[in-house]
N, C-alpha and C. Protein backbone atom coordinates (compact mmCIF):
# COMPACT_ATOMS: atom_id res chain seq x y z
N UNK A 1 0.84 -1.17 0.00
CA UNK A 1 0.00 0.00 0.00
C UNK A 1 0.89 1.24 0.00
N UNK A 2 0.45 2.27 -0.69
CA UNK A 2 1.21 3.51 -0.79
C UNK A 2 1.30 4.19 0.58
N UNK A 3 2.30 5.09 0.72
CA UNK A 3 2.44 5.84 1.97
C UNK A 3 1.34 6.87 2.14
N UNK A 4 0.77 7.37 1.03
CA UNK A 4 -0.34 8.31 1.07
C UNK A 4 -1.39 7.88 0.06
N UNK A 5 -2.63 7.84 0.49
CA UNK A 5 -3.75 7.56 -0.39
C UNK A 5 -4.59 8.82 -0.47
N UNK A 6 -4.92 9.24 -1.68
CA UNK A 6 -5.81 10.38 -1.88
C UNK A 6 -7.16 9.81 -2.29
N UNK A 7 -8.19 10.19 -1.52
CA UNK A 7 -9.52 9.62 -1.74
C UNK A 7 -10.54 10.74 -1.87
N UNK A 8 -11.41 10.63 -2.87
CA UNK A 8 -12.46 11.62 -3.06
C UNK A 8 -13.66 11.28 -2.18
N UNK A 9 -14.09 12.25 -1.40
CA UNK A 9 -15.26 12.09 -0.54
C UNK A 9 -16.47 11.76 -1.42
N UNK A 10 -17.21 10.76 -1.03
CA UNK A 10 -18.36 10.30 -1.79
C UNK A 10 -18.09 9.00 -2.52
N UNK A 11 -16.82 8.74 -2.87
CA UNK A 11 -16.46 7.47 -3.49
C UNK A 11 -16.34 6.40 -2.42
N UNK A 12 -16.77 5.20 -2.74
CA UNK A 12 -16.64 4.08 -1.80
C UNK A 12 -15.17 3.70 -1.63
N UNK A 13 -14.85 3.16 -0.46
CA UNK A 13 -13.50 2.65 -0.20
C UNK A 13 -13.54 1.13 -0.30
N UNK A 14 -12.61 0.58 -1.03
CA UNK A 14 -12.42 -0.87 -1.11
C UNK A 14 -10.92 -1.12 -1.21
N UNK A 15 -10.31 -1.34 -0.07
CA UNK A 15 -8.86 -1.56 -0.02
C UNK A 15 -8.58 -3.03 0.24
N UNK A 16 -7.79 -3.64 -0.62
CA UNK A 16 -7.30 -5.00 -0.41
C UNK A 16 -6.01 -4.91 0.38
N UNK A 17 -5.96 -5.59 1.51
CA UNK A 17 -4.81 -5.49 2.42
C UNK A 17 -4.31 -6.89 2.76
N UNK A 18 -3.07 -6.94 3.22
CA UNK A 18 -2.55 -8.23 3.70
C UNK A 18 -1.55 -7.98 4.81
N UNK A 19 -1.35 -9.01 5.60
CA UNK A 19 -0.44 -8.95 6.73
C UNK A 19 0.58 -10.07 6.55
N UNK A 20 1.86 -9.67 6.48
CA UNK A 20 2.93 -10.64 6.26
C UNK A 20 3.98 -10.53 7.35
N UNK A 21 4.67 -11.64 7.59
CA UNK A 21 5.78 -11.66 8.52
C UNK A 21 6.99 -11.03 7.84
N UNK A 22 8.05 -10.81 8.59
CA UNK A 22 9.25 -10.19 8.05
C UNK A 22 9.88 -11.02 6.92
N UNK A 23 9.63 -12.34 6.91
CA UNK A 23 10.17 -13.18 5.83
C UNK A 23 9.22 -13.24 4.64
N UNK A 24 8.19 -12.38 4.64
CA UNK A 24 7.22 -12.23 3.55
C UNK A 24 6.18 -13.34 3.48
N UNK A 25 6.15 -14.23 4.46
CA UNK A 25 5.11 -15.26 4.48
C UNK A 25 3.86 -14.68 5.16
N UNK A 26 2.66 -15.10 4.72
CA UNK A 26 1.43 -14.53 5.27
C UNK A 26 1.20 -14.95 6.72
N UNK A 27 0.56 -14.06 7.47
CA UNK A 27 0.15 -14.34 8.85
C UNK A 27 -1.29 -14.83 8.81
N UNK A 28 -1.54 -15.98 9.40
CA UNK A 28 -2.91 -16.49 9.49
C UNK A 28 -3.66 -15.66 10.52
N UNK A 29 -4.63 -14.89 10.06
CA UNK A 29 -5.38 -13.98 10.93
C UNK A 29 -6.70 -14.58 11.42
N UNK A 30 -6.86 -15.89 11.27
CA UNK A 30 -8.05 -16.55 11.78
C UNK A 30 -8.13 -16.31 13.29
N UNK A 31 -9.29 -15.93 13.78
CA UNK A 31 -9.54 -15.63 15.19
C UNK A 31 -8.89 -14.34 15.68
N UNK A 32 -8.38 -13.51 14.78
CA UNK A 32 -7.88 -12.18 15.16
C UNK A 32 -9.01 -11.17 15.02
N UNK A 33 -8.94 -10.11 15.79
CA UNK A 33 -9.79 -8.94 15.58
C UNK A 33 -8.94 -7.92 14.85
N UNK A 34 -9.49 -7.38 13.78
CA UNK A 34 -8.79 -6.37 12.99
C UNK A 34 -9.54 -5.05 13.15
N UNK A 35 -8.83 -4.01 13.55
CA UNK A 35 -9.39 -2.66 13.68
C UNK A 35 -8.62 -1.73 12.75
N UNK A 36 -9.37 -0.94 11.98
CA UNK A 36 -8.75 0.03 11.09
C UNK A 36 -9.36 1.38 11.39
N UNK A 37 -8.52 2.36 11.71
CA UNK A 37 -9.05 3.68 11.99
C UNK A 37 -8.22 4.76 11.33
N UNK A 38 -8.86 5.91 11.10
CA UNK A 38 -8.21 7.08 10.52
C UNK A 38 -8.51 8.27 11.41
N UNK A 39 -7.44 8.92 11.88
CA UNK A 39 -7.56 10.04 12.82
C UNK A 39 -6.68 11.19 12.33
N UNK A 40 -7.17 12.43 12.44
CA UNK A 40 -6.35 13.57 12.03
C UNK A 40 -5.51 14.08 13.20
N UNK A 41 -4.76 15.14 12.97
CA UNK A 41 -3.85 15.67 14.00
C UNK A 41 -4.59 16.18 15.23
N UNK A 42 -5.87 16.52 15.08
CA UNK A 42 -6.68 17.00 16.20
C UNK A 42 -7.46 15.88 16.88
N UNK A 43 -7.12 14.64 16.57
CA UNK A 43 -7.80 13.44 17.09
C UNK A 43 -9.25 13.33 16.66
N UNK A 44 -9.59 13.92 15.51
CA UNK A 44 -10.92 13.75 14.94
C UNK A 44 -10.87 12.53 14.03
N UNK A 45 -11.83 11.65 14.23
CA UNK A 45 -11.84 10.38 13.52
C UNK A 45 -12.62 10.49 12.21
N UNK A 46 -12.03 9.97 11.13
CA UNK A 46 -12.77 9.86 9.86
C UNK A 46 -13.57 8.57 9.88
N UNK A 47 -12.94 7.48 10.34
CA UNK A 47 -13.64 6.22 10.47
C UNK A 47 -12.90 5.30 11.43
N UNK A 48 -13.64 4.33 11.95
CA UNK A 48 -13.09 3.28 12.81
C UNK A 48 -13.90 2.03 12.50
N UNK A 49 -13.27 1.05 11.88
CA UNK A 49 -13.97 -0.15 11.45
C UNK A 49 -13.31 -1.35 12.13
N UNK A 50 -14.14 -2.22 12.70
CA UNK A 50 -13.65 -3.41 13.38
C UNK A 50 -14.26 -4.65 12.74
N UNK A 51 -13.45 -5.69 12.63
CA UNK A 51 -13.97 -6.96 12.11
C UNK A 51 -15.02 -7.56 13.05
N UNK A 52 -15.01 -7.14 14.32
CA UNK A 52 -15.98 -7.64 15.30
C UNK A 52 -17.33 -6.95 15.27
N UNK A 53 -17.41 -5.78 14.61
CA UNK A 53 -18.68 -5.05 14.62
C UNK A 53 -18.99 -4.47 13.23
N UNK A 54 -19.23 -5.35 12.27
CA UNK A 54 -19.53 -4.87 10.92
C UNK A 54 -20.92 -4.23 10.84
N UNK A 55 -21.08 -3.30 9.90
CA UNK A 55 -22.39 -2.74 9.58
C UNK A 55 -22.61 -2.94 8.09
N UNK A 56 -23.78 -2.60 7.62
CA UNK A 56 -24.04 -2.74 6.18
C UNK A 56 -23.24 -1.72 5.37
N UNK A 57 -22.80 -0.61 5.99
CA UNK A 57 -22.04 0.42 5.29
C UNK A 57 -20.54 0.20 5.37
N UNK A 58 -20.05 -0.28 6.50
CA UNK A 58 -18.60 -0.44 6.64
C UNK A 58 -18.28 -1.74 7.37
N UNK A 59 -17.33 -2.46 6.80
CA UNK A 59 -16.95 -3.75 7.38
C UNK A 59 -15.60 -4.18 6.84
N UNK A 60 -15.05 -5.20 7.47
CA UNK A 60 -13.80 -5.81 7.02
C UNK A 60 -14.15 -7.20 6.51
N UNK A 61 -13.89 -7.41 5.23
CA UNK A 61 -14.13 -8.71 4.59
C UNK A 61 -13.00 -9.64 5.00
N UNK A 62 -13.33 -10.67 5.77
CA UNK A 62 -12.31 -11.58 6.32
C UNK A 62 -12.37 -12.95 5.66
N UNK A 63 -12.81 -12.99 4.40
CA UNK A 63 -13.00 -14.28 3.73
C UNK A 63 -11.69 -15.01 3.42
N UNK A 64 -10.54 -14.32 3.44
CA UNK A 64 -9.26 -14.98 3.14
C UNK A 64 -8.21 -14.69 4.21
N UNK A 65 -8.64 -14.56 5.47
CA UNK A 65 -7.69 -14.21 6.53
C UNK A 65 -6.68 -15.32 6.83
N UNK A 66 -6.99 -16.56 6.48
CA UNK A 66 -6.02 -17.64 6.70
C UNK A 66 -4.74 -17.39 5.92
N UNK A 67 -4.85 -16.64 4.82
CA UNK A 67 -3.68 -16.28 4.01
C UNK A 67 -3.22 -14.85 4.25
N UNK A 68 -3.71 -14.25 5.33
CA UNK A 68 -3.30 -12.90 5.69
C UNK A 68 -3.97 -11.80 4.89
N UNK A 69 -4.99 -12.14 4.08
CA UNK A 69 -5.65 -11.17 3.21
C UNK A 69 -7.01 -10.75 3.77
N UNK A 70 -7.32 -9.47 3.65
CA UNK A 70 -8.62 -8.96 4.06
C UNK A 70 -8.89 -7.68 3.28
N UNK A 71 -10.14 -7.21 3.33
CA UNK A 71 -10.53 -5.99 2.62
C UNK A 71 -11.27 -5.06 3.55
N UNK A 72 -10.96 -3.78 3.44
CA UNK A 72 -11.74 -2.75 4.11
C UNK A 72 -12.77 -2.24 3.11
N UNK A 73 -14.03 -2.27 3.50
CA UNK A 73 -15.12 -1.79 2.65
C UNK A 73 -15.87 -0.70 3.41
N UNK A 74 -15.95 0.48 2.80
CA UNK A 74 -16.80 1.56 3.31
C UNK A 74 -17.58 2.05 2.10
N UNK A 75 -18.88 1.80 2.10
CA UNK A 75 -19.70 2.10 0.93
C UNK A 75 -20.00 3.59 0.79
N UNK A 76 -20.39 4.25 1.88
CA UNK A 76 -20.79 5.65 1.83
C UNK A 76 -19.80 6.51 2.59
N UNK A 77 -19.06 7.35 1.87
CA UNK A 77 -18.09 8.25 2.49
C UNK A 77 -18.53 9.71 2.37
N UNK A 78 -19.79 9.94 2.02
CA UNK A 78 -20.26 11.30 1.74
C UNK A 78 -20.20 12.23 2.95
N UNK A 79 -20.20 11.69 4.17
CA UNK A 79 -20.15 12.53 5.37
C UNK A 79 -18.74 12.73 5.91
N UNK A 80 -17.74 12.16 5.23
CA UNK A 80 -16.35 12.34 5.66
C UNK A 80 -15.96 13.80 5.49
N UNK A 81 -15.03 14.26 6.34
CA UNK A 81 -14.54 15.64 6.26
C UNK A 81 -13.22 15.67 5.50
N UNK A 82 -13.02 16.72 4.75
CA UNK A 82 -11.76 16.92 4.05
C UNK A 82 -10.63 17.01 5.06
N UNK A 83 -9.45 16.59 4.64
CA UNK A 83 -8.28 16.74 5.49
C UNK A 83 -7.31 15.58 5.37
N UNK A 84 -6.28 15.68 6.18
CA UNK A 84 -5.22 14.67 6.22
C UNK A 84 -5.39 13.82 7.47
N UNK A 85 -5.32 12.51 7.29
CA UNK A 85 -5.54 11.55 8.38
C UNK A 85 -4.42 10.53 8.42
N UNK A 86 -4.17 10.00 9.61
CA UNK A 86 -3.26 8.87 9.78
C UNK A 86 -4.12 7.62 9.89
N UNK A 87 -3.76 6.60 9.13
CA UNK A 87 -4.50 5.33 9.16
C UNK A 87 -3.64 4.29 9.85
N UNK A 88 -4.26 3.58 10.78
CA UNK A 88 -3.56 2.53 11.53
C UNK A 88 -4.41 1.26 11.48
N UNK A 89 -3.72 0.14 11.35
CA UNK A 89 -4.39 -1.16 11.39
C UNK A 89 -3.85 -1.90 12.61
N UNK A 90 -4.75 -2.37 13.46
CA UNK A 90 -4.36 -3.08 14.67
C UNK A 90 -4.91 -4.51 14.61
N UNK A 91 -4.04 -5.46 14.93
CA UNK A 91 -4.40 -6.87 14.94
C UNK A 91 -4.35 -7.35 16.39
N UNK A 92 -5.42 -7.99 16.87
CA UNK A 92 -5.47 -8.49 18.24
C UNK A 92 -5.78 -9.98 18.20
N UNK A 93 -4.89 -10.79 18.82
CA UNK A 93 -5.14 -12.24 18.83
C UNK A 93 -6.06 -12.62 19.97
N UNK A 94 -6.37 -13.90 20.09
CA UNK A 94 -7.34 -14.39 21.07
C UNK A 94 -6.96 -14.10 22.52
N UNK A 95 -5.67 -14.02 22.82
CA UNK A 95 -5.25 -13.77 24.20
C UNK A 95 -5.03 -12.29 24.48
N UNK A 96 -5.32 -11.43 23.48
CA UNK A 96 -5.24 -9.99 23.70
C UNK A 96 -3.95 -9.33 23.27
N UNK A 97 -3.02 -10.10 22.71
CA UNK A 97 -1.78 -9.51 22.22
C UNK A 97 -2.09 -8.65 20.99
N UNK A 98 -1.60 -7.39 21.00
CA UNK A 98 -1.90 -6.44 19.92
C UNK A 98 -0.65 -6.06 19.16
N UNK A 99 -0.82 -5.90 17.87
CA UNK A 99 0.26 -5.43 17.01
C UNK A 99 -0.34 -4.51 15.97
N UNK A 100 0.35 -3.40 15.71
CA UNK A 100 -0.14 -2.42 14.74
C UNK A 100 0.72 -2.43 13.49
N UNK A 101 0.09 -2.01 12.40
CA UNK A 101 0.80 -1.86 11.14
C UNK A 101 1.60 -0.57 11.16
N UNK A 102 2.41 -0.41 10.13
CA UNK A 102 3.02 0.89 9.87
C UNK A 102 1.89 1.82 9.46
N UNK A 103 1.77 2.97 10.09
CA UNK A 103 0.70 3.91 9.73
C UNK A 103 0.98 4.50 8.35
N UNK A 104 -0.10 4.87 7.69
CA UNK A 104 0.04 5.56 6.42
C UNK A 104 -0.94 6.72 6.38
N UNK A 105 -0.77 7.60 5.41
CA UNK A 105 -1.57 8.82 5.32
C UNK A 105 -2.73 8.65 4.37
N UNK A 106 -3.83 9.28 4.73
CA UNK A 106 -5.01 9.34 3.89
C UNK A 106 -5.40 10.81 3.77
N UNK A 107 -5.50 11.28 2.54
CA UNK A 107 -5.97 12.64 2.29
C UNK A 107 -7.35 12.55 1.67
N UNK A 108 -8.33 13.13 2.36
CA UNK A 108 -9.70 13.16 1.87
C UNK A 108 -9.93 14.50 1.18
N UNK A 109 -10.34 14.44 -0.09
CA UNK A 109 -10.55 15.64 -0.88
C UNK A 109 -11.98 15.68 -1.41
N UNK A 110 -12.46 16.89 -1.71
CA UNK A 110 -13.79 17.03 -2.27
C UNK A 110 -13.80 16.68 -3.75
N UNK A 111 -14.98 16.49 -4.26
CA UNK A 111 -15.14 16.18 -5.69
C UNK A 111 -14.94 17.47 -6.50
N UNK A 112 -14.46 17.33 -7.68
CA UNK A 112 -14.25 18.50 -8.56
C UNK A 112 -15.54 19.02 -9.12
């Protein structure tokens, strides 16, 4: 994934993501909770999506987590605010051990 993603407000988000070990082999994420959130410098949240609490508008597709693959789906982004956000992905195993991804930037822009 790029270090910065530019996204137009109103367009749906569909990001294909994966989690790999340092040797590039996939991490089996079966029974993990995956949380993805985007927060700006003022701690204002653009979104917070958890694999444990999907909605019809936003969810994490976990159909291939055994191979470390998952998708973030957010259908309606029309209420998002313009600005720059930090995106973090957190993985929590069954015993509560947490690990976060390298954060990346998301810039939300208006439609032309």
